[in-house]
Amino acid sequence: MHHQTAIGGSARMALRMALLHAVAAMLAYAGSAQAAAPAARPALSAPSPAQPIALIAGQGVGDLNQTRSRFGVDATDLGVMWRDSRGRVAMAFGDTYGQGWGGNGAGPETADWRYNTLAHSTDDNLADGLSIDSMVIDRPGHAAQILPGDPAVQEVTVIPTAAISVGSRDFIHYMSVRSWGTNGTWITNYSGLAYSDDGGQRWIKAPAVRWANRDGGSHFQMAAATEQGDFVYLFGTANGRFGDAYVARVPGSRLLDLSAYEYWTATGWQADGLDRAIPVMAEPVGELSILYNTALRRWVALHLDERRAAIVMRTAIEPTGPWTGGQLVAKSADHPGLYGAFLHPDSTGAELYFAMSQWAPYHVRLMRLRLADLPLDTNLVQDGGFEDHPASAKTPTWTLNGRGGTDYGIGNAHSGANNGWVGSTSGWNDLHQRVVVQPGRRYRLTGWMRSSAGNTGGYFGVRRPPSQAVIVEQKFGPLPTYTRLSVDIPPGNLTELEVFAGGWAVNGQDFWLQIDDIRLEEV
């Protein structure tokens, strides 16, 4: 993509809401209120579980396919992969550059710029890389642009985001990008489907199959496509990398009929339910890819999480969720400028292979994740142990009311290196996080807390977002050592919960609370 990633109770509740501090724009990364804590230092972290195999396209170490000399592809990104109508693995790339490429990132536009390109492979041994057999070309040795622009709108590029084949027809979900922003943001005109009946040589953009970037359609500007039985499931996100994920389903034979799509809503699958679709994954979800994995017997999703500056893996028993909060697969600390995580269609067993992009220099690399190296975690909370997001994160995973933040490696954690904290001499202070759940299910919230000797008003529980009306909570007082707290959440009709841990500072006393290992799981 032609865009730089940046990694880079009633009365008591009313009183609480009246005294809430303004939500901070970012967490204050000072040490917790426990007085003599040493200066913070970065926590030591393990290397990324996923390991690089070889380049798929572009230039750099492990340039297996020599796409520069073979196809005029000096630099490119994405690599959406699917098993195409001819039985090959097809790979749709984003903005692609040739002669005159600047050598770092996208551009310049004069460098033989193509909005998108397409490659094919019959390589079924991925342990040493993914070999490209051919690319769709417009002249010998030159990869062609497969999806044209739209002269009827202001548009800077056309980017493939998902793809699937049904019978003898191939489909690509694409987005029409109106303008690029910064730090993982951009604006689209619409998204749509294109199809090919000749194995990907020629593509037709279906004018009747578009999701306008307004109302409910804004939820499907980027996508992931996968198949189960007679249905194709289309997971959608907003433009950019900070939205929730939604899901629709459609019979595979009717992909080009928008009236056949059903959207997941608070009352189940609904035709004409685009405006009523509810999230199945809480943000931030960027560049999403999903497959069913028989080894785990769960659906597996990979996507970029800008807040954690990492590719994360989420899992669910059903496409509609509940989806886990995500485990780190590849970190920007190991792969600066990473983004995109498009699963190879054969990633259904004990090893996952995926295409990962790096902004600098701007190429696509095959990555391998052995599931044995990443034990399954069913926690629905994102970063419940405060280990994942870097100290430099501008929008951390946990949101703050009042004063607080994260202790990085200063010995205050229950486990690991880090922990959350809140503390003040006045008002209400908490850390909280919105979690998407399935209505009608039972959940249990657990966490480990340690609090100041004068604490008389600590609370741990779940609320209704965005009102913050308490659903269920546990009150606690002084906790001189880390203590496990547990809250059972009765089944209800809510599709979202807000997990929180916090407390009141009263009479000018110094209240502090240390928080770690928060888990929300279905029971």
Protein backbone atom coordinates (compact mmCIF):
# COMPACT_ATOMS: atom_id res chain seq x y z
CA MET A 1 0.00 0.00 0.00
CA HIS A 2 1.23 3.46 -0.79
CA HIS A 3 1.19 4.45 2.87
CA GLN A 4 3.67 4.37 5.69
CA THR A 5 2.82 2.25 8.68
CA ALA A 6 3.41 3.61 12.18
CA ILE A 7 5.29 1.58 14.21
CA GLY A 8 5.67 1.57 14.13
CA GLY A 9 -25.18 0.72 41.67
CA SER A 10 -27.13 3.66 40.85
CA ALA A 11 -26.32 6.45 43.33
CA ARG A 12 -22.73 5.38 43.76
CA MET A 13 -22.39 5.10 40.00
CA ALA A 14 -23.81 8.57 39.48
CA LEU A 15 -21.34 9.97 41.99
CA ARG A 16 -18.51 8.08 40.36
CA MET A 17 -19.39 9.41 36.94
CA ALA A 18 -19.58 12.94 38.26
CA LEU A 19 -16.07 12.64 39.60
CA LEU A 20 -14.40 10.86 36.68
CA HIS A 21 -11.27 12.50 35.46
CA ALA A 22 -11.06 13.30 31.78
CA VAL A 23 -9.89 10.27 29.87
CA ALA A 24 -6.22 10.73 29.17
CA ALA A 25 -5.07 10.82 25.55
CA MET A 26 -2.25 8.47 26.49
CA LEU A 27 -1.19 6.61 29.60
CA ALA A 28 1.40 8.24 31.80
CA TYR A 29 4.27 5.80 31.88
CA ALA A 30 5.61 6.79 35.27
CA GLY A 31 6.09 4.24 38.04
CA SER A 32 3.09 3.40 40.21
CA ALA A 33 2.27 5.30 43.37
CA GLN A 34 4.24 2.94 45.55
CA ALA A 35 6.78 5.37 46.86
CA ALA A 36 10.32 4.06 46.57
CA ALA A 37 10.03 2.35 43.17
CA PRO A 38 13.20 2.55 41.09
CA ALA A 39 13.31 4.33 37.73
CA ALA A 40 11.48 2.48 34.96
CA ARG A 41 13.46 0.47 32.43
CA PRO A 42 12.31 -1.41 29.34
CA ALA A 43 11.24 -4.97 30.05
CA LEU A 44 13.23 -7.76 28.42
CA SER A 45 11.12 -9.63 25.87
CA ALA A 46 11.34 -12.91 24.00
CA PRO A 47 11.83 -12.89 20.24
CA SER A 48 8.82 -13.04 17.96
CA PRO A 49 7.35 -16.56 17.72
CA ALA A 50 7.03 -16.29 13.93
CA GLN A 51 10.24 -16.61 11.99
CA PRO A 52 11.15 -15.30 8.51
CA ILE A 53 11.67 -17.82 5.72
CA ALA A 54 12.43 -15.91 2.51
CA LEU A 55 11.24 -12.97 0.46
CA ILE A 56 8.19 -13.46 -1.72
CA ALA A 57 8.45 -10.20 -3.66
CA GLY A 58 10.65 -7.12 -3.60
CA GLN A 59 14.30 -6.82 -2.69
CA GLY A 60 16.27 -7.80 0.39
CA VAL A 61 17.87 -10.73 2.17
CA GLY A 62 16.52 -14.06 0.94
CA ASP A 63 15.40 -12.76 -2.47
CA LEU A 64 14.17 -16.13 -3.68
CA ASN A 65 12.01 -14.96 -6.57
CA GLN A 66 14.11 -12.19 -8.12
CA THR A 67 10.95 -10.26 -8.94
CA ARG A 68 12.94 -7.20 -10.00
CA SER A 69 14.64 -8.89 -12.92
CA ARG A 70 11.81 -11.31 -13.80
CA PHE A 71 8.75 -9.05 -13.53
CA GLY A 72 9.86 -5.46 -13.05
CA VAL A 73 8.78 -5.60 -9.39
CA ASP A 74 11.45 -3.79 -7.43
CA ALA A 75 9.22 -3.17 -4.43
CA THR A 76 5.69 -4.06 -3.35
CA ASP A 77 3.57 -5.02 -0.33
CA LEU A 78 0.63 -7.10 1.02
CA GLY A 79 0.39 -10.42 -0.85
CA VAL A 80 -3.22 -11.49 -0.22
CA MET A 81 -3.16 -15.26 -0.75
CA TRP A 82 -5.84 -17.72 -1.78
CA ARG A 83 -6.26 -21.05 -3.59
CA ASP A 84 -7.46 -19.91 -6.99
CA SER A 85 -9.85 -21.47 -9.50
CA ARG A 86 -6.97 -23.29 -11.21
CA GLY A 87 -5.69 -24.86 -7.97
CA ARG A 88 -2.70 -22.54 -7.67
CA VAL A 89 -1.86 -20.18 -4.83
CA ALA A 90 -2.57 -16.67 -6.06
CA MET A 91 -1.01 -13.59 -4.42
CA ALA A 92 -2.43 -10.09 -4.91
CA PHE A 93 0.02 -7.31 -4.10
CA GLY A 94 -0.61 -3.65 -3.38
CA ASP A 95 1.17 -0.59 -4.76
CA THR A 96 4.06 -1.92 -6.83
CA TYR A 97 7.15 -0.06 -8.13
CA GLY A 98 9.77 -0.82 -10.73
CA GLN A 99 12.66 1.07 -12.27
CA GLY A 100 13.42 4.24 -10.34
CA TRP A 101 12.07 2.97 -7.04
CA GLY A 102 13.37 5.18 -4.23
CA GLY A 103 14.91 2.35 -2.20
CA ASN A 104 12.94 2.85 1.01
CA GLY A 105 9.16 2.78 1.34
CA ALA A 106 6.67 3.37 -1.44
CA GLY A 107 7.35 5.61 -4.40
CA PRO A 108 8.14 7.72 -6.16
CA GLU A 109 5.03 7.57 -8.31
CA THR A 110 7.16 7.97 -11.41
CA ALA A 111 8.91 4.65 -10.66
CA ASP A 112 6.76 2.45 -12.91
CA TRP A 113 3.95 2.58 -10.33
CA ARG A 114 1.15 0.01 -10.57
CA TYR A 115 -1.76 0.07 -8.09
CA ASN A 116 -1.75 -3.72 -7.76
CA THR A 117 -0.22 -6.85 -9.29
CA LEU A 118 -0.89 -10.60 -9.20
CA ALA A 119 1.39 -13.65 -8.94
CA HIS A 120 0.80 -17.40 -9.03
CA SER A 121 2.61 -20.31 -7.41
CA THR A 122 2.38 -24.11 -7.41
CA ASP A 123 5.02 -24.47 -4.70
CA ASP A 124 3.75 -26.79 -1.95
CA ASN A 125 6.99 -26.98 0.05
CA LEU A 126 7.10 -23.75 2.04
CA ALA A 127 9.88 -24.69 4.45
CA ASP A 128 12.44 -22.97 2.20
CA GLY A 129 10.20 -20.23 0.82
CA LEU A 130 7.37 -19.69 -1.65
CA SER A 131 8.43 -19.76 -5.28
CA ILE A 132 6.55 -17.58 -7.76
CA ASP A 133 5.94 -19.40 -11.05
CA SER A 134 4.42 -16.49 -12.94
CA MET A 135 2.81 -13.09 -12.70
CA VAL A 136 0.05 -11.59 -14.80
CA ILE A 137 1.99 -9.48 -17.32
CA ASP A 138 1.22 -6.78 -19.87
CA ARG A 139 4.48 -7.27 -21.74
CA PRO A 140 7.38 -9.70 -21.40
CA GLY A 141 9.11 -9.30 -18.04
CA HIS A 142 6.64 -6.74 -16.68
CA ALA A 143 3.90 -7.41 -14.11
CA ALA A 144 0.60 -5.81 -15.09
CA GLN A 145 -1.79 -3.75 -13.03
CA ILE A 146 -4.86 -5.98 -12.72
CA LEU A 147 -7.47 -3.63 -11.15
CA PRO A 148 -7.85 -0.22 -12.81
CA GLY A 149 -8.65 3.08 -11.16
CA ASP A 150 -12.05 4.76 -11.05
CA PRO A 151 -12.05 8.09 -12.94
CA ALA A 152 -15.45 8.98 -11.46
CA VAL A 153 -14.03 9.61 -7.98
CA GLN A 154 -11.04 11.25 -6.37
CA GLU A 155 -8.74 8.29 -5.96
CA VAL A 156 -5.07 7.68 -5.23
CA THR A 157 -4.92 3.89 -5.59
CA VAL A 158 -6.88 0.61 -5.68
CA ILE A 159 -5.77 -1.96 -3.11
CA PRO A 160 -6.72 -5.68 -2.86
CA THR A 161 -7.67 -6.63 0.71
CA ALA A 162 -9.09 -10.17 0.42
CA ALA A 163 -9.69 -12.87 -2.19
CA ILE A 164 -11.39 -16.23 -2.68
CA SER A 165 -12.39 -18.59 -5.48
CA VAL A 166 -15.75 -20.30 -5.98
CA GLY A 167 -15.88 -22.88 -8.73
CA SER A 168 -14.23 -21.51 -11.86
CA ARG A 169 -14.44 -17.86 -10.76
CA ASP A 170 -11.98 -15.85 -8.67
CA PHE A 171 -12.98 -12.85 -6.58
CA ILE A 172 -10.95 -9.99 -5.10
CA HIS A 173 -12.28 -7.58 -2.48
CA TYR A 174 -10.61 -4.22 -3.03
CA MET A 175 -10.72 -0.70 -1.61
CA SER A 176 -10.75 2.56 -3.54
CA VAL A 177 -8.44 4.84 -1.53
CA ARG A 178 -9.40 8.51 -1.62
CA SER A 179 -6.53 9.87 0.47
CA TRP A 180 -3.73 8.72 2.74
CA GLY A 181 -3.43 9.95 6.31
CA THR A 182 -0.74 9.30 8.90
CA ASN A 183 -0.04 6.62 11.48
CA GLY A 184 -2.25 3.90 10.03
CA THR A 185 -5.13 6.08 8.84
CA TRP A 186 -6.63 6.66 5.40
CA ILE A 187 -9.97 7.41 3.76
CA THR A 188 -11.69 5.27 1.14
CA ASN A 189 -14.41 6.09 -1.34
CA TYR A 190 -15.86 2.61 -1.24
CA SER A 191 -14.91 -1.06 -1.36
CA GLY A 192 -16.09 -3.62 -3.87
CA LEU A 193 -15.66 -6.98 -5.54
CA ALA A 194 -13.88 -7.75 -8.79
CA TYR A 195 -14.02 -11.12 -10.51
CA SER A 196 -12.10 -13.11 -13.09
CA ASP A 197 -13.25 -16.06 -15.18
CA ASP A 198 -9.92 -16.80 -16.86
CA GLY A 199 -7.64 -17.65 -13.95
CA GLY A 200 -6.82 -14.06 -13.04
CA GLN A 201 -5.64 -12.73 -16.40
CA ARG A 202 -8.51 -10.25 -16.78
CA TRP A 203 -10.60 -8.75 -14.00
CA ILE A 204 -14.00 -7.01 -13.98
CA LYS A 205 -14.99 -4.67 -11.17
CA ALA A 206 -18.65 -5.41 -10.40
CA PRO A 207 -20.36 -2.00 -10.16
CA ALA A 208 -23.38 -3.42 -8.28
CA VAL A 209 -21.27 -4.94 -5.49
CA ARG A 210 -19.90 -2.03 -3.50
CA TRP A 211 -19.91 -0.93 0.12
CA ALA A 212 -19.95 2.85 0.28
CA ASN A 213 -17.80 4.41 3.00
CA ARG A 214 -20.79 5.66 4.97
CA ASP A 215 -23.48 4.22 7.23
CA GLY A 216 -23.03 0.46 7.69
CA GLY A 217 -20.90 0.10 4.59
CA SER A 218 -17.97 1.78 6.31
CA HIS A 219 -17.50 -1.45 8.28
CA PHE A 220 -16.45 -3.39 5.17
CA GLN A 221 -13.84 -1.15 3.55
CA MET A 222 -11.15 -3.77 4.17
CA ALA A 223 -11.90 -7.46 4.40
CA ALA A 224 -10.92 -11.07 4.93
CA ALA A 225 -12.70 -13.82 3.01
CA THR A 226 -13.01 -17.47 3.97
CA GLU A 227 -15.35 -20.35 3.22
CA GLN A 228 -17.27 -22.91 5.28
CA GLY A 229 -19.84 -25.21 3.75
CA ASP A 230 -22.02 -23.34 1.28
CA PHE A 231 -21.18 -19.93 2.74
CA VAL A 232 -18.43 -17.42 2.14
CA TYR A 233 -17.75 -15.36 5.26
CA LEU A 234 -16.62 -11.80 4.65
CA PHE A 235 -15.04 -10.12 7.67
CA GLY A 236 -14.88 -6.35 7.35
CA THR A 237 -13.12 -3.41 8.98
CA ALA A 238 -13.20 0.34 8.48
CA ASN A 239 -10.61 2.20 6.43
CA GLY A 240 -7.36 2.39 8.33
CA ARG A 241 -6.10 0.17 11.12
CA PHE A 242 -8.07 1.18 14.20
CA GLY A 243 -11.56 -0.23 13.66
CA ASP A 244 -13.56 -3.18 14.96
CA ALA A 245 -14.17 -6.22 12.77
CA TYR A 246 -17.64 -7.26 11.55
CA VAL A 247 -18.82 -10.29 9.59
CA ALA A 248 -21.25 -11.08 6.78
CA ARG A 249 -22.05 -14.35 5.06
CA VAL A 250 -23.34 -15.12 1.59
CA PRO A 251 -23.85 -18.30 -0.43
CA GLY A 252 -20.77 -18.74 -2.56
CA SER A 253 -22.90 -18.88 -5.69
CA ARG A 254 -24.33 -15.40 -4.94
CA LEU A 255 -21.22 -13.37 -4.11
CA LEU A 256 -22.16 -10.80 -6.75
CA ASP A 257 -25.68 -10.31 -5.33
CA LEU A 258 -25.62 -7.80 -2.47
CA SER A 259 -29.21 -8.69 -1.53
CA ALA A 260 -28.01 -12.22 -0.63
CA TYR A 261 -25.61 -11.03 2.07
CA GLU A 262 -26.56 -11.57 5.72
CA TYR A 263 -24.84 -9.58 8.45
CA TRP A 264 -24.19 -10.64 12.03
CA THR A 265 -26.36 -8.49 14.32
CA ALA A 266 -27.45 -8.50 17.97
CA THR A 267 -30.32 -10.81 16.96
CA GLY A 268 -28.28 -13.13 14.75
CA TRP A 269 -27.86 -13.28 10.98
CA GLN A 270 -29.98 -10.65 9.25
CA ALA A 271 -30.57 -9.97 5.57
CA ASP A 272 -30.48 -6.22 4.90
CA GLY A 273 -28.66 -5.97 8.23
CA LEU A 274 -25.67 -3.92 7.11
CA ASP A 275 -26.65 -0.92 9.27
CA ARG A 276 -27.30 -3.20 12.28
CA ALA A 277 -24.09 -5.24 12.12
CA ILE A 278 -22.27 -5.56 15.44
CA PRO A 279 -18.54 -6.11 16.03
CA VAL A 280 -17.13 -9.59 16.41
CA MET A 281 -13.60 -8.36 17.26
CA ALA A 282 -12.71 -5.26 19.23
CA GLU A 283 -10.37 -2.76 17.61
CA PRO A 284 -7.69 -2.17 16.53
CA VAL A 285 -7.89 -4.57 13.58
CA GLY A 286 -5.74 -3.88 10.53
CA GLU A 287 -5.09 -6.03 7.42
CA LEU A 288 -7.06 -9.07 8.49
CA SER A 289 -6.72 -12.67 7.29
CA ILE A 290 -8.78 -15.65 8.54
CA LEU A 291 -8.79 -19.44 8.04
CA TYR A 292 -10.16 -22.47 9.87
CA ASN A 293 -7.33 -24.46 11.47
CA THR A 294 -7.96 -28.16 11.92
CA ALA A 295 -5.07 -28.61 14.36
CA LEU A 296 -6.58 -26.11 16.79
CA ARG A 297 -10.18 -26.86 15.76
CA ARG A 298 -10.70 -23.12 15.84
CA TRP A 299 -10.86 -20.22 13.42
CA VAL A 300 -7.57 -18.35 13.30
CA ALA A 301 -7.20 -14.66 12.47
CA LEU A 302 -3.96 -12.77 11.91
CA HIS A 303 -3.89 -8.98 11.74
CA LEU A 304 -1.81 -5.93 12.49
CA ASP A 305 -2.37 -4.36 15.92
CA GLU A 306 -1.00 -0.82 15.70
CA ARG A 307 -1.26 -0.28 19.46
CA ARG A 308 0.90 -3.27 20.24
CA ALA A 309 3.04 -2.63 17.15
CA ALA A 310 2.76 -6.29 16.23
CA ILE A 311 1.04 -8.95 14.18
CA VAL A 312 -1.32 -10.78 16.53
CA MET A 313 -3.23 -14.07 16.35
CA ARG A 314 -6.84 -14.33 17.53
CA THR A 315 -8.93 -17.50 17.62
CA ALA A 316 -12.60 -18.42 17.95
CA ILE A 317 -14.73 -21.56 17.82
CA GLU A 318 -17.25 -19.85 15.53
CA PRO A 319 -16.78 -17.08 12.94
CA THR A 320 -19.05 -14.86 15.03
CA GLY A 321 -16.86 -15.29 18.12
CA PRO A 322 -16.17 -14.70 20.85
CA TRP A 323 -12.67 -13.99 19.51
CA THR A 324 -9.69 -13.99 21.82
CA GLY A 325 -7.81 -10.79 22.58
CA GLY A 326 -4.79 -11.78 20.53
CA GLN A 327 -1.31 -13.19 21.07
CA LEU A 328 1.82 -11.60 19.64
CA VAL A 329 3.11 -13.38 16.55
CA ALA A 330 5.63 -10.90 15.11
CA LYS A 331 6.80 -7.68 16.78
CA SER A 332 8.04 -4.46 15.26
CA ALA A 333 11.02 -4.66 17.59
CA ASP A 334 12.17 -7.63 15.51
CA HIS A 335 10.71 -6.52 12.16
CA PRO A 336 10.60 -2.72 12.02
CA GLY A 337 7.76 -1.29 9.97
CA LEU A 338 5.82 -4.55 9.81
CA TYR A 339 2.23 -4.76 8.60
CA GLY A 340 -0.07 -7.12 6.72
CA ALA A 341 -0.43 -10.76 7.71
CA PHE A 342 -2.03 -12.78 4.93
CA LEU A 343 -2.35 -16.48 5.61
CA HIS A 344 -1.29 -19.06 3.05
CA PRO A 345 -4.40 -21.15 2.21
CA ASP A 346 -2.67 -24.36 3.34
CA SER A 347 -2.15 -23.02 6.88
CA THR A 348 -4.65 -25.43 8.38
CA GLY A 349 -2.30 -27.62 10.42
CA ALA A 350 0.42 -27.27 13.05
CA GLU A 351 2.30 -24.59 11.08
CA LEU A 352 0.98 -21.29 9.84
CA TYR A 353 2.62 -19.56 6.88
CA PHE A 354 1.78 -15.97 6.07
CA ALA A 355 2.91 -13.03 3.97
CA MET A 356 4.17 -10.09 6.03
CA SER A 357 5.10 -6.68 4.65
CA GLN A 358 7.78 -4.31 5.88
CA TRP A 359 7.70 -0.63 5.04
CA ALA A 360 11.43 -0.34 4.93
CA PRO A 361 12.62 -1.30 2.48
CA TYR A 362 9.07 -2.17 1.17
CA HIS A 363 8.77 -5.84 0.41
CA VAL A 364 6.80 -9.01 1.28
CA ARG A 365 8.33 -11.88 3.23
CA LEU A 366 7.06 -15.39 3.94
CA MET A 367 6.81 -16.05 7.70
CA ARG A 368 6.28 -19.31 9.58
CA LEU A 369 4.58 -19.78 12.95
CA ARG A 370 4.73 -23.16 14.64
CA LEU A 371 1.63 -23.39 16.82
CA ALA A 372 3.63 -25.42 19.35
CA ASP A 373 5.66 -22.24 19.95
CA LEU A 374 2.53 -20.23 20.77
CA PRO A 375 0.29 -22.19 23.18
CA LEU A 376 -3.38 -21.33 22.69
CA ASP A 377 -4.66 -18.60 24.99
CA THR A 378 -8.46 -18.28 25.36
CA ASN A 379 -8.36 -14.90 27.12
CA LEU A 380 -10.74 -12.40 25.49
CA VAL A 381 -8.87 -9.42 26.98
CA GLN A 382 -6.14 -7.78 24.92
CA ASP A 383 -2.78 -7.66 26.69
CA GLY A 384 -4.18 -8.69 30.08
CA GLY A 385 -0.65 -8.99 31.44
CA PHE A 386 0.51 -5.53 30.28
CA GLU A 387 3.45 -7.17 28.53
CA ASP A 388 2.66 -6.41 24.91
CA HIS A 389 2.43 -2.73 24.16
CA PRO A 390 5.69 -0.80 23.98
CA ALA A 391 6.38 2.17 26.22
CA SER A 392 6.40 4.35 23.09
CA ALA A 393 2.79 3.48 22.20
CA LYS A 394 0.72 6.62 21.74
CA THR A 395 -2.62 4.80 22.16
CA PRO A 396 -2.13 1.90 24.58
CA THR A 397 -4.42 -1.12 24.78
CA TRP A 398 -5.81 -0.10 28.19
CA THR A 399 -7.66 3.22 28.57
CA LEU A 400 -7.15 5.41 31.63
CA ASN A 401 -9.56 7.35 33.81
CA GLY A 402 -7.65 9.63 36.15
CA ARG A 403 -4.00 8.92 36.88
CA GLY A 404 -2.15 5.70 36.11
CA GLY A 405 -0.33 3.76 33.45
CA THR A 406 2.06 0.83 33.11
CA ASP A 407 5.03 -0.14 35.26
CA TYR A 408 7.76 -1.38 32.92
CA GLY A 409 10.14 -3.89 34.48
CA ILE A 410 10.48 -2.30 37.91
CA GLY A 411 9.57 -5.35 39.98
CA ASN A 412 5.92 -4.57 40.67
CA ALA A 413 4.40 -7.26 38.44
CA HIS A 414 2.53 -10.34 39.56
CA SER A 415 4.03 -12.25 36.64
CA GLY A 416 6.18 -11.28 33.71
CA ALA A 417 7.91 -7.92 33.71
CA ASN A 418 5.09 -5.34 33.61
CA ASN A 419 1.84 -4.44 35.34
CA GLY A 420 -0.81 -1.77 35.22
CA TRP A 421 -1.33 0.77 37.97
CA VAL A 422 -3.58 3.61 39.04
CA GLY A 423 -3.08 5.99 41.94
CA SER A 424 -3.98 9.44 43.19
CA THR A 425 -4.95 11.44 46.25
CA SER A 426 -8.37 12.38 44.86
CA GLY A 427 -11.30 11.09 42.85
CA TRP A 428 -11.85 7.93 40.85
CA ASN A 429 -8.99 6.28 38.93
CA ASP A 430 -9.17 3.16 36.75
CA LEU A 431 -7.83 1.24 33.79
CA HIS A 432 -10.44 -0.22 31.48
CA GLN A 433 -10.83 -2.02 28.17
CA ARG A 434 -13.76 -2.71 25.86
CA VAL A 435 -14.26 -6.39 24.96
CA VAL A 436 -16.61 -7.85 22.34
CA VAL A 437 -18.63 -10.85 23.60
CA GLN A 438 -21.44 -13.10 22.44
CA PRO A 439 -24.85 -12.45 24.05
CA GLY A 440 -26.38 -15.26 26.10
CA ARG A 441 -23.02 -16.70 27.21
CA ARG A 442 -21.53 -16.95 30.70
CA TYR A 443 -18.16 -15.34 31.35
CA ARG A 444 -15.74 -15.12 34.24
CA LEU A 445 -13.42 -12.19 34.88
CA THR A 446 -10.31 -12.76 36.98
CA GLY A 447 -7.33 -10.63 37.86
CA TRP A 448 -4.57 -10.06 40.38
CA MET A 449 -4.55 -6.89 42.49
CA ARG A 450 -2.35 -5.27 45.14
CA SER A 451 -3.45 -2.03 46.78
CA SER A 452 -2.50 0.59 49.33
CA ALA A 453 -3.04 0.12 53.06
CA GLY A 454 -5.62 2.92 53.19
CA ASN A 455 -7.74 1.60 50.32
CA THR A 456 -11.44 1.44 51.22
CA GLY A 457 -12.96 1.68 47.77
CA GLY A 458 -11.35 -0.62 45.22
CA TYR A 459 -13.55 -2.14 42.50
CA PHE A 460 -13.03 -4.83 39.86
CA GLY A 461 -15.73 -5.76 37.38
CA VAL A 462 -17.50 -5.06 34.11
CA ARG A 463 -19.58 -2.12 32.91
CA ARG A 464 -21.72 -1.23 29.91
CA PRO A 465 -19.82 0.73 27.29
CA PRO A 466 -19.99 3.61 26.68
CA SER A 467 -22.19 4.62 29.65
CA GLN A 468 -19.93 2.87 32.21
CA ALA A 469 -23.01 1.68 34.14
CA VAL A 470 -21.84 -1.19 36.34
CA ILE A 471 -23.11 -4.68 35.49
CA VAL A 472 -21.29 -6.61 38.20
CA GLU A 473 -18.27 -5.75 40.34
CA GLN A 474 -16.30 -6.89 43.37
CA LYS A 475 -15.38 -4.38 46.03
CA PHE A 476 -12.08 -4.79 47.88
CA GLY A 477 -10.02 -3.02 50.48
CA PRO A 478 -6.29 -3.16 51.34
CA LEU A 479 -4.41 -5.92 49.52
CA PRO A 480 -0.82 -6.01 50.86
CA THR A 481 0.13 -8.82 48.45
CA TYR A 482 -1.16 -9.73 45.04
CA THR A 483 -4.59 -11.34 45.46
CA ARG A 484 -6.70 -13.08 42.86
CA LEU A 485 -10.16 -11.55 42.41
CA SER A 486 -12.96 -13.17 40.43
CA VAL A 487 -16.29 -11.94 39.08
CA ASP A 488 -18.90 -14.14 37.38
CA ILE A 489 -20.87 -12.38 34.68
CA PRO A 490 -24.42 -13.66 34.20
CA PRO A 491 -25.68 -14.25 30.65
CA GLY A 492 -27.39 -11.28 29.08
CA ASN A 493 -28.08 -9.55 25.80
CA LEU A 494 -24.96 -7.39 25.73
CA THR A 495 -22.55 -7.72 22.81
CA GLU A 496 -19.83 -5.62 24.46
CA LEU A 497 -18.45 -5.33 27.97
CA GLU A 498 -16.01 -2.91 29.55
CA VAL A 499 -13.58 -4.58 31.93
CA PHE A 500 -12.30 -2.23 34.63
CA ALA A 501 -10.10 -2.15 37.74
CA GLY A 502 -9.84 0.97 39.87
CA GLY A 503 -10.80 2.75 43.04
CA TRP A 504 -11.48 5.92 44.99
CA ALA A 505 -8.94 8.11 46.69
CA VAL A 506 -10.75 9.66 49.69
CA ASN A 507 -9.94 12.31 52.27
CA GLY A 508 -6.72 13.20 50.48
CA GLN A 509 -5.14 9.82 51.25
CA ASP A 510 -2.71 8.30 48.79
CA PHE A 511 -4.60 5.52 47.00
CA TRP A 512 -2.76 3.18 44.65
CA LEU A 513 -3.60 -0.08 42.93
CA GLN A 514 -1.38 -2.46 40.98
CA ILE A 515 -3.12 -4.63 38.36
CA ASP A 516 -1.93 -7.69 36.48
CA ASP A 517 -2.96 -10.85 34.62
CA ILE A 518 -6.52 -9.83 33.77
CA ARG A 519 -8.54 -12.58 32.06
CA LEU A 520 -12.05 -12.78 30.65
CA GLU A 521 -13.09 -16.26 29.55
CA GLU A 522 -16.24 -18.08 28.62
CA VAL A 523 -17.36 -20.66 31.22
